[in-house]
């Protein structure tokens, strides 16, 4: 009896695991990278941006640099997109846009609120 229950349990486990793998493989997990432009006045701004984006759904890695005002984000394309990432930054009052190295009018940088900690800038 114990052996039958054990075999039945193993069969159910295999069935559920194979179903979960089939569901997960249905959506393509493609990693993409985007660079955003966002005015960060100091290291505290940089840390706030990195922290916010690290908790954003689908974001795998974040590298922000307050000296260049650039944020490089690696994300899962089936979970998020640049627009949702920008919306996540707006929740903490940072305006961002997709970085365009040619520097045309699409680069709208700016922090909509002043830095909360004195940084000398």
Protein backbone atom coordinates (compact mmCIF):
# COMPACT_ATOMS: atom_id res chain seq x y z
CA UNK A 1 0.00 0.00 0.00
CA UNK A 2 2.79 2.41 0.92
CA UNK A 3 4.57 1.60 -2.30
CA UNK A 4 1.45 2.32 -4.37
CA UNK A 5 0.94 5.67 -2.66
CA UNK A 6 4.59 6.56 -3.22
CA UNK A 7 4.44 5.67 -6.92
CA UNK A 8 1.18 7.58 -7.33
CA UNK A 9 2.71 10.63 -5.61
CA UNK A 10 5.77 10.53 -7.85
CA UNK A 11 3.61 10.28 -10.96
CA UNK A 12 1.57 13.31 -9.89
CA UNK A 13 4.73 15.27 -9.16
CA UNK A 14 6.15 14.51 -12.60
CA UNK A 15 2.85 15.50 -14.20
CA UNK A 16 2.71 18.86 -12.39
CA UNK A 17 6.36 19.62 -13.06
CA UNK A 18 6.01 18.90 -16.77
CA UNK A 19 2.93 21.17 -16.91
CA UNK A 20 4.77 24.02 -15.21
CA UNK A 21 7.69 23.71 -17.63
CA UNK A 22 5.31 23.74 -20.58
CA UNK A 23 3.63 26.90 -19.28
CA UNK A 24 6.95 28.64 -18.62
CA UNK A 25 8.33 27.84 -22.07
CA UNK A 26 5.24 29.32 -23.74
CA UNK A 27 6.38 32.91 -23.16
CA UNK A 28 9.76 33.74 -24.62
CA UNK A 29 12.15 34.87 -21.91
CA UNK A 30 14.22 37.21 -24.01
CA UNK A 31 16.64 39.47 -22.17
CA UNK A 32 16.82 42.98 -23.58
CA UNK A 33 18.78 46.05 -22.58
CA UNK A 34 17.77 49.69 -22.58
CA UNK A 35 19.64 52.83 -21.57
CA UNK A 36 17.65 55.63 -19.99
CA UNK A 37 18.58 59.23 -19.41
CA UNK A 38 17.60 60.61 -16.01
CA UNK A 39 18.94 63.59 -14.07
CA UNK A 40 20.53 62.30 -10.86
CA UNK A 41 22.21 64.94 -8.75
CA UNK A 42 24.19 62.76 -6.38
CA UNK A 43 24.93 59.25 -5.15
CA UNK A 44 21.72 59.26 -3.09
CA UNK A 45 19.69 59.87 -6.24
CA UNK A 46 21.58 57.07 -7.97
CA UNK A 47 20.88 54.68 -5.08
CA UNK A 48 17.18 55.58 -5.03
CA UNK A 49 16.87 54.93 -8.77
CA UNK A 50 18.74 51.62 -8.55
CA UNK A 51 16.63 50.48 -5.59
CA UNK A 52 13.33 51.37 -7.27
CA UNK A 53 14.24 49.63 -10.52
CA UNK A 54 15.64 46.55 -8.80
CA UNK A 55 12.14 45.92 -7.39
CA UNK A 56 10.42 46.52 -10.74
CA UNK A 57 8.85 43.39 -12.21
CA UNK A 58 10.97 41.88 -15.00
CA UNK A 59 14.12 43.92 -14.31
CA UNK A 60 17.16 41.67 -13.99
CA UNK A 61 19.97 44.19 -13.52
CA UNK A 62 20.40 47.95 -13.09
CA UNK A 63 23.50 50.09 -13.43
CA UNK A 64 22.98 53.80 -12.77
CA UNK A 65 25.64 56.51 -12.95
CA UNK A 66 24.82 59.93 -11.49
CA UNK A 67 27.83 61.51 -13.18
CA UNK A 68 26.63 60.68 -16.71
CA UNK A 69 22.90 60.63 -15.79
CA UNK A 70 22.53 57.26 -17.54
CA UNK A 71 20.84 54.07 -16.37
CA UNK A 72 21.45 50.75 -18.12
CA UNK A 73 18.74 48.18 -17.45
CA UNK A 74 18.58 44.52 -18.45
CA UNK A 75 15.03 43.17 -18.42
CA UNK A 76 12.82 40.30 -19.53
CA UNK A 77 10.83 41.46 -22.54
CA UNK A 78 7.87 39.23 -21.67
CA UNK A 79 7.55 40.88 -18.22
CA UNK A 80 8.21 44.58 -18.81
CA UNK A 81 9.21 47.21 -21.37
CA UNK A 82 10.93 50.62 -21.36
CA UNK A 83 7.62 52.46 -20.87
CA UNK A 84 6.81 50.49 -17.71
CA UNK A 85 10.34 51.02 -16.42
CA UNK A 86 9.98 54.78 -16.96
CA UNK A 87 6.62 54.68 -15.13
CA UNK A 88 8.34 52.94 -12.22
CA UNK A 89 10.80 55.82 -11.94
CA UNK A 90 7.94 58.32 -12.11
CA UNK A 91 6.55 56.76 -8.92
CA UNK A 92 9.58 58.17 -7.06
CA UNK A 93 9.43 61.50 -8.95
CA UNK A 94 12.19 60.92 -11.49
CA UNK A 95 11.60 61.74 -15.14
CA UNK A 96 13.41 59.50 -17.55
CA UNK A 97 13.50 58.87 -21.26
CA UNK A 98 15.12 56.35 -23.54
CA UNK A 99 18.65 57.60 -24.14
CA UNK A 100 19.41 58.80 -27.62
CA UNK A 101 23.16 59.36 -28.04
CA UNK A 102 22.53 61.85 -30.87
CA UNK A 103 21.09 64.24 -28.29
CA UNK A 104 17.92 65.29 -30.07
CA UNK A 105 14.73 66.58 -28.44
CA UNK A 106 13.76 63.08 -27.27
CA UNK A 107 16.26 63.35 -24.42
CA UNK A 108 14.17 65.00 -21.73
CA UNK A 109 16.13 64.72 -18.54
CA UNK A 110 15.09 65.99 -15.21
CA UNK A 111 14.32 65.28 -11.64
CA UNK A 112 10.85 66.59 -10.86
CA UNK A 113 11.69 67.10 -7.19
CA UNK A 114 14.85 68.44 -5.61
CA UNK A 115 17.30 66.06 -4.03
CA UNK A 116 16.16 65.12 -0.51
CA UNK A 117 19.66 65.09 0.91
CA UNK A 118 22.25 67.83 0.68
CA UNK A 119 24.78 66.88 -1.94
CA UNK A 120 26.38 70.18 -2.79
CA UNK A 121 24.90 70.43 -6.29
